[in-house]
Amino acid sequence: MKGIITVVGKDKVGIIGKVCTLLSEKQVNILDISQTILHGYFNMMMIVDLTNCTVSFNEVVDALTELGKAIEVDIRLQHEDIFDSMHRI
């Protein structure tokens, strides 16, 4: 199963490292990543593979949400199919 992770917030050191560490600990594979900084705001999108994940999808969502609170950014994980449906024109 694939998922889409978005991270948005004020730029600071360590955002990518902390998100990637959490994903690695749960055996979530990063397939693609794009990030940019615009006027001091950080924006990242990741496509991830959760096939070998060691916890449930909802546990990953909760862990990312808690990490986001701790580092003061908004982190969201959605199933790829739901993301695609929401953004279809």
PDB file of N, CA and C in Angstrom:
ATOM      1  N   MET A   1       0.839  -1.167   0.000  1.00  0.00           N
ATOM      2  CA  MET A   1       0.000   0.000   0.000  1.00  0.00           C
ATOM      3  C   MET A   1       0.892   1.241   0.000  1.00  0.00           C
ATOM      4  N   LYS A   2       0.500   2.225  -0.800  1.00  0.00           N
ATOM      5  CA  LYS A   2       1.241   3.476  -0.866  1.00  0.00           C
ATOM      6  C   LYS A   2       0.477   4.575  -0.144  1.00  0.00           C
ATOM      7  N   GLY A   3       1.244   5.547   0.348  1.00  0.00           N
ATOM      8  CA  GLY A   3       0.655   6.687   1.022  1.00  0.00           C
ATOM      9  C   GLY A   3       1.335   7.966   0.582  1.00  0.00           C
ATOM     10  N   ILE A   4       0.661   9.078   0.850  1.00  0.00           N
ATOM     11  CA  ILE A   4       1.195  10.406   0.553  1.00  0.00           C
ATOM     12  C   ILE A   4       1.340  11.142   1.883  1.00  0.00           C
ATOM     13  N   ILE A   5       2.548  11.622   2.150  1.00  0.00           N
ATOM     14  CA  ILE A   5       2.814  12.402   3.356  1.00  0.00           C
ATOM     15  C   ILE A   5       3.084  13.828   2.928  1.00  0.00           C
ATOM     16  N   THR A   6       2.427  14.778   3.613  1.00  0.00           N
ATOM     17  CA  THR A   6       2.718  16.186   3.394  1.00  0.00           C
ATOM     18  C   THR A   6       3.186  16.789   4.720  1.00  0.00           C
ATOM     19  N   VAL A   7       4.166  17.678   4.610  1.00  0.00           N
ATOM     20  CA  VAL A   7       4.708  18.371   5.775  1.00  0.00           C
ATOM     21  C   VAL A   7       4.778  19.853   5.433  1.00  0.00           C
ATOM     22  N   VAL A   8       4.153  20.693   6.267  1.00  0.00           N
ATOM     23  CA  VAL A   8       4.131  22.130   6.025  1.00  0.00           C
ATOM     24  C   VAL A   8       4.361  22.863   7.344  1.00  0.00           C
ATOM     25  N   GLY A   9       5.211  23.896   7.299  1.00  0.00           N
ATOM     26  CA  GLY A   9       5.423  24.713   8.485  1.00  0.00           C
ATOM     27  C   GLY A   9       6.612  25.624   8.307  1.00  0.00           C
ATOM     28  N   LYS A  10       6.921  26.380   9.347  1.00  0.00           N
ATOM     29  CA  LYS A  10       8.094  27.254   9.302  1.00  0.00           C
ATOM     30  C   LYS A  10       9.346  26.394   9.235  1.00  0.00           C
ATOM     31  N   ASP A  11      10.281  26.800   8.393  1.00  0.00           N
ATOM     32  CA  ASP A  11      11.507  26.028   8.209  1.00  0.00           C
ATOM     33  C   ASP A  11      12.369  26.060   9.458  1.00  0.00           C
ATOM     34  N   LYS A  12      12.974  24.917   9.758  1.00  0.00           N
ATOM     35  CA  LYS A  12      13.946  24.799  10.848  1.00  0.00           C
ATOM     36  C   LYS A  12      14.798  23.564  10.592  1.00  0.00           C
ATOM     37  N   VAL A  13      15.910  23.497  11.236  1.00  0.00           N
ATOM     38  CA  VAL A  13      16.851  22.391  11.069  1.00  0.00           C
ATOM     39  C   VAL A  13      16.231  21.089  11.589  1.00  0.00           C
ATOM     40  N   GLY A  14      16.365  20.004  10.812  1.00  0.00           N
ATOM     41  CA  GLY A  14      16.024  18.675  11.291  1.00  0.00           C
ATOM     42  C   GLY A  14      14.674  18.125  10.893  1.00  0.00           C
ATOM     43  N   ILE A  15      13.863  18.880  10.174  1.00  0.00           N
ATOM     44  CA  ILE A  15      12.522  18.382   9.831  1.00  0.00           C
ATOM     45  C   ILE A  15      12.617  17.091   9.025  1.00  0.00           C
ATOM     46  N   ILE A  16      13.364  17.115   7.936  1.00  0.00           N
ATOM     47  CA  ILE A  16      13.462  15.927   7.066  1.00  0.00           C
ATOM     48  C   ILE A  16      14.055  14.750   7.849  1.00  0.00           C
ATOM     49  N   GLY A  17      15.105  15.006   8.604  1.00  0.00           N
ATOM     50  CA  GLY A  17      15.763  13.942   9.366  1.00  0.00           C
ATOM     51  C   GLY A  17      14.826  13.280  10.360  1.00  0.00           C
ATOM     52  N   LYS A  18      14.039  14.079  11.070  1.00  0.00           N
ATOM     53  CA  LYS A  18      13.131  13.515  12.081  1.00  0.00           C
ATOM     54  C   LYS A  18      12.006  12.716  11.442  1.00  0.00           C
ATOM     55  N   VAL A  19      11.450  13.223  10.351  1.00  0.00           N
ATOM     56  CA  VAL A  19      10.382  12.495   9.663  1.00  0.00           C
ATOM     57  C   VAL A  19      10.934  11.181   9.098  1.00  0.00           C
ATOM     58  N   CYS A  20      12.094  11.244   8.449  1.00  0.00           N
ATOM     59  CA  CYS A  20      12.686  10.036   7.856  1.00  0.00           C
ATOM     60  C   CYS A  20      13.069   9.007   8.920  1.00  0.00           C
ATOM     61  N   THR A  21      13.555   9.463  10.062  1.00  0.00           N
ATOM     62  CA  THR A  21      13.908   8.541  11.150  1.00  0.00           C
ATOM     63  C   THR A  21      12.670   7.804  11.649  1.00  0.00           C
ATOM     64  N   LEU A  22      11.577   8.538  11.863  1.00  0.00           N
ATOM     65  CA  LEU A  22      10.342   7.909  12.316  1.00  0.00           C
ATOM     66  C   LEU A  22       9.870   6.861  11.314  1.00  0.00           C
ATOM     67  N   LEU A  23       9.890   7.203  10.033  1.00  0.00           N
ATOM     68  CA  LEU A  23       9.450   6.259   9.001  1.00  0.00           C
ATOM     69  C   LEU A  23      10.343   5.026   8.963  1.00  0.00           C
ATOM     70  N   SER A  24      11.631   5.222   9.076  1.00  0.00           N
ATOM     71  CA  SER A  24      12.582   4.110   9.058  1.00  0.00           C
ATOM     72  C   SER A  24      12.331   3.161  10.228  1.00  0.00           C
ATOM     73  N   GLU A  25      12.082   3.707  11.388  1.00  0.00           N
ATOM     74  CA  GLU A  25      11.827   2.891  12.579  1.00  0.00           C
ATOM     75  C   GLU A  25      10.599   2.005  12.410  1.00  0.00           C
ATOM     76  N   LYS A  26       9.665   2.421  11.558  1.00  0.00           N
ATOM     77  CA  LYS A  26       8.432   1.663  11.338  1.00  0.00           C
ATOM     78  C   LYS A  26       8.457   0.884  10.021  1.00  0.00           C
ATOM     79  N   GLN A  27       9.643   0.822   9.392  1.00  0.00           N
ATOM     80  CA  GLN A  27       9.838   0.086   8.138  1.00  0.00           C
ATOM     81  C   GLN A  27       8.974   0.616   6.998  1.00  0.00           C
ATOM     82  N   VAL A  28       8.800   1.939   6.966  1.00  0.00           N
ATOM     83  CA  VAL A  28       8.093   2.595   5.869  1.00  0.00           C
ATOM     84  C   VAL A  28       9.139   3.059   4.873  1.00  0.00           C
ATOM     85  N   ASN A  29       9.010   2.619   3.626  1.00  0.00           N
ATOM     86  CA  ASN A  29       9.987   2.934   2.591  1.00  0.00           C
ATOM     87  C   ASN A  29       9.589   4.215   1.846  1.00  0.00           C
ATOM     88  N   ILE A  30      10.534   5.137   1.717  1.00  0.00           N
ATOM     89  CA  ILE A  30      10.295   6.376   0.979  1.00  0.00           C
ATOM     90  C   ILE A  30      10.596   6.116  -0.497  1.00  0.00           C
ATOM     91  N   LEU A  31       9.579   6.280  -1.341  1.00  0.00           N
ATOM     92  CA  LEU A  31       9.735   6.032  -2.774  1.00  0.00           C
ATOM     93  C   LEU A  31      10.140   7.294  -3.529  1.00  0.00           C
ATOM     94  N   ASP A  32       9.613   8.429  -3.090  1.00  0.00           N
ATOM     95  CA  ASP A  32       9.922   9.700  -3.747  1.00  0.00           C
ATOM     96  C   ASP A  32       9.723  10.810  -2.737  1.00  0.00           C
ATOM     97  N   ILE A  33      10.500  11.872  -2.887  1.00  0.00           N
ATOM     98  CA  ILE A  33      10.416  12.986  -1.954  1.00  0.00           C
ATOM     99  C   ILE A  33      10.708  14.279  -2.699  1.00  0.00           C
ATOM    100  N   SER A  34       9.940  15.298  -2.371  1.00  0.00           N
ATOM    101  CA  SER A  34      10.148  16.616  -2.938  1.00  0.00           C
ATOM    102  C   SER A  34       9.968  17.623  -1.814  1.00  0.00           C
ATOM    103  N   GLN A  35      10.883  18.579  -1.726  1.00  0.00           N
ATOM    104  CA  GLN A  35      10.739  19.592  -0.698  1.00  0.00           C
ATOM    105  C   GLN A  35      11.213  20.928  -1.222  1.00  0.00           C
ATOM    106  N   THR A  36      10.618  21.973  -0.670  1.00  0.00           N
ATOM    107  CA  THR A  36      10.992  23.324  -1.055  1.00  0.00           C
ATOM    108  C   THR A  36      10.820  24.235   0.147  1.00  0.00           C
ATOM    109  N   ILE A  37      11.519  25.341   0.100  1.00  0.00           N
ATOM    110  CA  ILE A  37      11.381  26.369   1.120  1.00  0.00           C
ATOM    111  C   ILE A  37      11.037  27.660   0.394  1.00  0.00           C
ATOM    112  N   LEU A  38       9.948  28.285   0.805  1.00  0.00           N
ATOM    113  CA  LEU A  38       9.477  29.500   0.164  1.00  0.00           C
ATOM    114  C   LEU A  38       9.261  30.555   1.243  1.00  0.00           C
ATOM    115  N   HIS A  39      10.078  31.593   1.201  1.00  0.00           N
ATOM    116  CA  HIS A  39       9.980  32.697   2.169  1.00  0.00           C
ATOM    117  C   HIS A  39       9.968  32.191   3.610  1.00  0.00           C
ATOM    118  N   GLY A  40      10.815  31.204   3.904  1.00  0.00           N
ATOM    119  CA  GLY A  40      10.943  30.698   5.265  1.00  0.00           C
ATOM    120  C   GLY A  40       9.957  29.604   5.644  1.00  0.00           C
ATOM    121  N   TYR A  41       9.087  29.218   4.703  1.00  0.00           N
ATOM    122  CA  TYR A  41       8.134  28.146   4.971  1.00  0.00           C
ATOM    123  C   TYR A  41       8.565  26.874   4.259  1.00  0.00           C
ATOM    124  N   PHE A  42       8.553  25.782   5.002  1.00  0.00           N
ATOM    125  CA  PHE A  42       8.974  24.473   4.531  1.00  0.00           C
ATOM    126  C   PHE A  42       7.762  23.722   4.002  1.00  0.00           C
ATOM    127  N   ASN A  43       7.917  23.067   2.844  1.00  0.00           N
ATOM    128  CA  ASN A  43       6.857  22.264   2.249  1.00  0.00           C
ATOM    129  C   ASN A  43       7.476  20.999   1.684  1.00  0.00           C
ATOM    130  N   MET A  44       6.988  19.836   2.114  1.00  0.00           N
ATOM    131  CA  MET A  44       7.532  18.569   1.629  1.00  0.00           C
ATOM    132  C   MET A  44       6.383  17.616   1.307  1.00  0.00           C
ATOM    133  N   MET A  45       6.566  16.863   0.237  1.00  0.00           N
ATOM    134  CA  MET A  45       5.640  15.801  -0.126  1.00  0.00           C
ATOM    135  C   MET A  45       6.444  14.529  -0.336  1.00  0.00           C
ATOM    136  N   MET A  46       5.958  13.443   0.217  1.00  0.00           N
ATOM    137  CA  MET A  46       6.625  12.148   0.081  1.00  0.00           C
ATOM    138  C   MET A  46       5.616  11.110  -0.402  1.00  0.00           C
ATOM    139  N   ILE A  47       6.070  10.232  -1.259  1.00  0.00           N
ATOM    140  CA  ILE A  47       5.298   9.046  -1.597  1.00  0.00           C
ATOM    141  C   ILE A  47       5.997   7.894  -0.884  1.00  0.00           C
ATOM    142  N   VAL A  48       5.235   7.158  -0.086  1.00  0.00           N
ATOM    143  CA  VAL A  48       5.823   6.096   0.729  1.00  0.00           C
ATOM    144  C   VAL A  48       5.128   4.771   0.469  1.00  0.00           C
ATOM    145  N   ASP A  49       5.877   3.698   0.720  1.00  0.00           N
ATOM    146  CA  ASP A  49       5.354   2.340   0.603  1.00  0.00           C
ATOM    147  C   ASP A  49       5.232   1.778   2.015  1.00  0.00           C
ATOM    148  N   LEU A  50       4.017   1.431   2.405  1.00  0.00           N
ATOM    149  CA  LEU A  50       3.752   0.916   3.747  1.00  0.00           C
ATOM    150  C   LEU A  50       3.607  -0.605   3.769  1.00  0.00           C
ATOM    151  N   THR A  51       3.977  -1.279   2.693  1.00  0.00           N
ATOM    152  CA  THR A  51       3.801  -2.727   2.583  1.00  0.00           C
ATOM    153  C   THR A  51       4.443  -3.478   3.739  1.00  0.00           C
ATOM    154  N   ASN A  52       5.650  -3.099   4.140  1.00  0.00           N
ATOM    155  CA  ASN A  52       6.375  -3.810   5.196  1.00  0.00           C
ATOM    156  C   ASN A  52       6.326  -3.100   6.539  1.00  0.00           C
ATOM    157  N   CYS A  53       5.406  -2.166   6.682  1.00  0.00           N
ATOM    158  CA  CYS A  53       5.288  -1.380   7.908  1.00  0.00           C
ATOM    159  C   CYS A  53       5.008  -2.307   9.096  1.00  0.00           C
ATOM    160  N   THR A  54       5.658  -2.014  10.219  1.00  0.00           N
ATOM    161  CA  THR A  54       5.557  -2.870  11.405  1.00  0.00           C
ATOM    162  C   THR A  54       4.386  -2.505  12.316  1.00  0.00           C
ATOM    163  N   VAL A  55       3.660  -1.432  11.995  1.00  0.00           N
ATOM    164  CA  VAL A  55       2.498  -1.021  12.787  1.00  0.00           C
ATOM    165  C   VAL A  55       1.346  -0.708  11.833  1.00  0.00           C
ATOM    166  N   SER A  56       0.165  -0.467  12.381  1.00  0.00           N
ATOM    167  CA  SER A  56      -0.993  -0.173  11.535  1.00  0.00           C
ATOM    168  C   SER A  56      -0.860   1.213  10.898  1.00  0.00           C
ATOM    169  N   PHE A  57      -1.628   1.420   9.845  1.00  0.00           N
ATOM    170  CA  PHE A  57      -1.662   2.714   9.155  1.00  0.00           C
ATOM    171  C   PHE A  57      -2.004   3.819  10.148  1.00  0.00           C
ATOM    172  N   ASN A  58      -3.030   3.586  10.974  1.00  0.00           N
ATOM    173  CA  ASN A  58      -3.460   4.607  11.938  1.00  0.00           C
ATOM    174  C   ASN A  58      -2.380   4.912  12.968  1.00  0.00           C
ATOM    175  N   GLU A  59      -1.576   3.929  13.329  1.00  0.00           N
ATOM    176  CA  GLU A  59      -0.476   4.174  14.261  1.00  0.00           C
ATOM    177  C   GLU A  59       0.591   5.063  13.625  1.00  0.00           C
ATOM    178  N   VAL A  60       0.829   4.897  12.335  1.00  0.00           N
ATOM    179  CA  VAL A  60       1.773   5.767  11.634  1.00  0.00           C
ATOM    180  C   VAL A  60       1.209   7.183  11.577  1.00  0.00           C
ATOM    181  N   VAL A  61      -0.082   7.312  11.269  1.00  0.00           N
ATOM    182  CA  VAL A  61      -0.735   8.627  11.247  1.00  0.00           C
ATOM    183  C   VAL A  61      -0.573   9.313  12.596  1.00  0.00           C
ATOM    184  N   ASP A  62      -0.861   8.584  13.673  1.00  0.00           N
ATOM    185  CA  ASP A  62      -0.758   9.156  15.018  1.00  0.00           C
ATOM    186  C   ASP A  62       0.670   9.563  15.357  1.00  0.00           C
ATOM    187  N   ALA A  63       1.633   8.719  15.002  1.00  0.00           N
ATOM    188  CA  ALA A  63       3.040   9.024  15.285  1.00  0.00           C
ATOM    189  C   ALA A  63       3.497  10.264  14.521  1.00  0.00           C
ATOM    190  N   LEU A  64       3.092  10.380  13.257  1.00  0.00           N
ATOM    191  CA  LEU A  64       3.452  11.555  12.466  1.00  0.00           C
ATOM    192  C   LEU A  64       2.782  12.820  13.006  1.00  0.00           C
ATOM    193  N   THR A  65       1.533  12.694  13.429  1.00  0.00           N
ATOM    194  CA  THR A  65       0.825  13.836  14.014  1.00  0.00           C
ATOM    195  C   THR A  65       1.539  14.318  15.273  1.00  0.00           C
ATOM    196  N   GLU A  66       1.919  13.389  16.136  1.00  0.00           N
ATOM    197  CA  GLU A  66       2.626  13.745  17.374  1.00  0.00           C
ATOM    198  C   GLU A  66       3.982  14.370  17.068  1.00  0.00           C
ATOM    199  N   LEU A  67       4.699  13.813  16.093  1.00  0.00           N
ATOM    200  CA  LEU A  67       5.982  14.393  15.702  1.00  0.00           C
ATOM    201  C   LEU A  67       5.774  15.814  15.192  1.00  0.00           C
ATOM    202  N   GLY A  68       4.757  16.003  14.379  1.00  0.00           N
ATOM    203  CA  GLY A  68       4.461  17.330  13.854  1.00  0.00           C
ATOM    204  C   GLY A  68       4.228  18.344  14.967  1.00  0.00           C
ATOM    205  N   LYS A  69       3.475  17.945  15.983  1.00  0.00           N
ATOM    206  CA  LYS A  69       3.244  18.832  17.127  1.00  0.00           C
ATOM    207  C   LYS A  69       4.565  19.168  17.823  1.00  0.00           C
ATOM    208  N   ALA A  70       5.403  18.154  17.988  1.00  0.00           N
ATOM    209  CA  ALA A  70       6.670  18.338  18.698  1.00  0.00           C
ATOM    210  C   ALA A  70       7.618  19.284  17.956  1.00  0.00           C
ATOM    211  N   ILE A  71       7.614  19.217  16.622  1.00  0.00           N
ATOM    212  CA  ILE A  71       8.536  20.067  15.853  1.00  0.00           C
ATOM    213  C   ILE A  71       7.819  21.253  15.202  1.00  0.00           C
ATOM    214  N   GLU A  72       6.549  21.435  15.565  1.00  0.00           N
ATOM    215  CA  GLU A  72       5.755  22.590  15.156  1.00  0.00           C
ATOM    216  C   GLU A  72       5.558  22.715  13.646  1.00  0.00           C
ATOM    217  N   VAL A  73       5.229  21.584  13.019  1.00  0.00           N
ATOM    218  CA  VAL A  73       4.824  21.559  11.611  1.00  0.00           C
ATOM    219  C   VAL A  73       3.578  20.682  11.494  1.00  0.00           C
ATOM    220  N   ASP A  74       2.871  20.806  10.383  1.00  0.00           N
ATOM    221  CA  ASP A  74       1.692  19.983  10.127  1.00  0.00           C
ATOM    222  C   ASP A  74       2.110  18.806   9.259  1.00  0.00           C
ATOM    223  N   ILE A  75       1.938  17.593   9.769  1.00  0.00           N
ATOM    224  CA  ILE A  75       2.285  16.381   9.014  1.00  0.00           C
ATOM    225  C   ILE A  75       1.023  15.562   8.829  1.00  0.00           C
ATOM    226  N   ARG A  76       0.758  15.210   7.579  1.00  0.00           N
ATOM    227  CA  ARG A  76      -0.432  14.403   7.264  1.00  0.00           C
ATOM    228  C   ARG A  76      -0.035  13.216   6.393  1.00  0.00           C
ATOM    229  N   LEU A  77      -0.683  12.080   6.650  1.00  0.00           N
ATOM    230  CA  LEU A  77      -0.510  10.871   5.844  1.00  0.00           C
ATOM    231  C   LEU A  77      -1.873  10.443   5.352  1.00  0.00           C
ATOM    232  N   GLN A  78      -1.978  10.219   4.035  1.00  0.00           N
ATOM    233  CA  GLN A  78      -3.218   9.740   3.432  1.00  0.00           C
ATOM    234  C   GLN A  78      -2.907   8.543   2.543  1.00  0.00           C
ATOM    235  N   HIS A  79      -3.888   7.636   2.430  1.00  0.00           N
ATOM    236  CA  HIS A  79      -3.768   6.565   1.453  1.00  0.00           C
ATOM    237  C   HIS A  79      -3.660   7.198   0.069  1.00  0.00           C
ATOM    238  N   GLU A  80      -2.848   6.629  -0.788  1.00  0.00           N
ATOM    239  CA  GLU A  80      -2.666   7.170  -2.138  1.00  0.00           C
ATOM    240  C   GLU A  80      -3.986   7.275  -2.889  1.00  0.00           C
ATOM    241  N   ASP A  81      -4.843   6.262  -2.768  1.00  0.00           N
ATOM    242  CA  ASP A  81      -6.120   6.269  -3.489  1.00  0.00           C
ATOM    243  C   ASP A  81      -7.015   7.417  -3.039  1.00  0.00           C
ATOM    244  N   ILE A  82      -7.052   7.674  -1.737  1.00  0.00           N
ATOM    245  CA  ILE A  82      -7.873   8.765  -1.211  1.00  0.00           C
ATOM    246  C   ILE A  82      -7.314  10.107  -1.675  1.00  0.00           C
ATOM    247  N   PHE A  83      -5.999  10.243  -1.619  1.00  0.00           N
ATOM    248  CA  PHE A  83      -5.354  11.480  -2.068  1.00  0.00           C
ATOM    249  C   PHE A  83      -5.684  11.732  -3.538  1.00  0.00           C
ATOM    250  N   ASP A  84      -5.552  10.686  -4.365  1.00  0.00           N
ATOM    251  CA  ASP A  84      -5.845  10.824  -5.795  1.00  0.00           C
ATOM    252  C   ASP A  84      -7.304  11.217  -6.027  1.00  0.00           C
ATOM    253  N   SER A  85      -8.229  10.620  -5.290  1.00  0.00           N
ATOM    254  CA  SER A  85      -9.650  10.931  -5.446  1.00  0.00           C
ATOM    255  C   SER A  85      -9.951  12.370  -5.064  1.00  0.00           C
ATOM    256  N   MET A  86      -9.315  12.863  -4.010  1.00  0.00           N
ATOM    257  CA  MET A  86      -9.550  14.219  -3.543  1.00  0.00           C
ATOM    258  C   MET A  86      -9.028  15.256  -4.508  1.00  0.00           C
ATOM    259  N   HIS A  87      -7.995  14.904  -5.280  1.00  0.00           N
ATOM    260  CA  HIS A  87      -7.345  15.878  -6.153  1.00  0.00           C
ATOM    261  C   HIS A  87      -7.609  15.642  -7.639  1.00  0.00           C
ATOM    262  N   ARG A  88      -8.608  14.842  -7.921  1.00  0.00           N
ATOM    263  CA  ARG A  88      -8.990  14.591  -9.315  1.00  0.00           C
ATOM    264  C   ARG A  88      -9.850  15.728  -9.811  1.00  0.00           C
ATOM    265  N   ILE A  89      -9.566  16.184 -11.011  1.00  0.00           N
ATOM    266  CA  ILE A  89     -10.349  17.297 -11.593  1.00  0.00           C
ATOM    267  C   ILE A  89     -11.399  16.747 -12.527  1.00  0.00           C
TER     268      ILE A  89
END
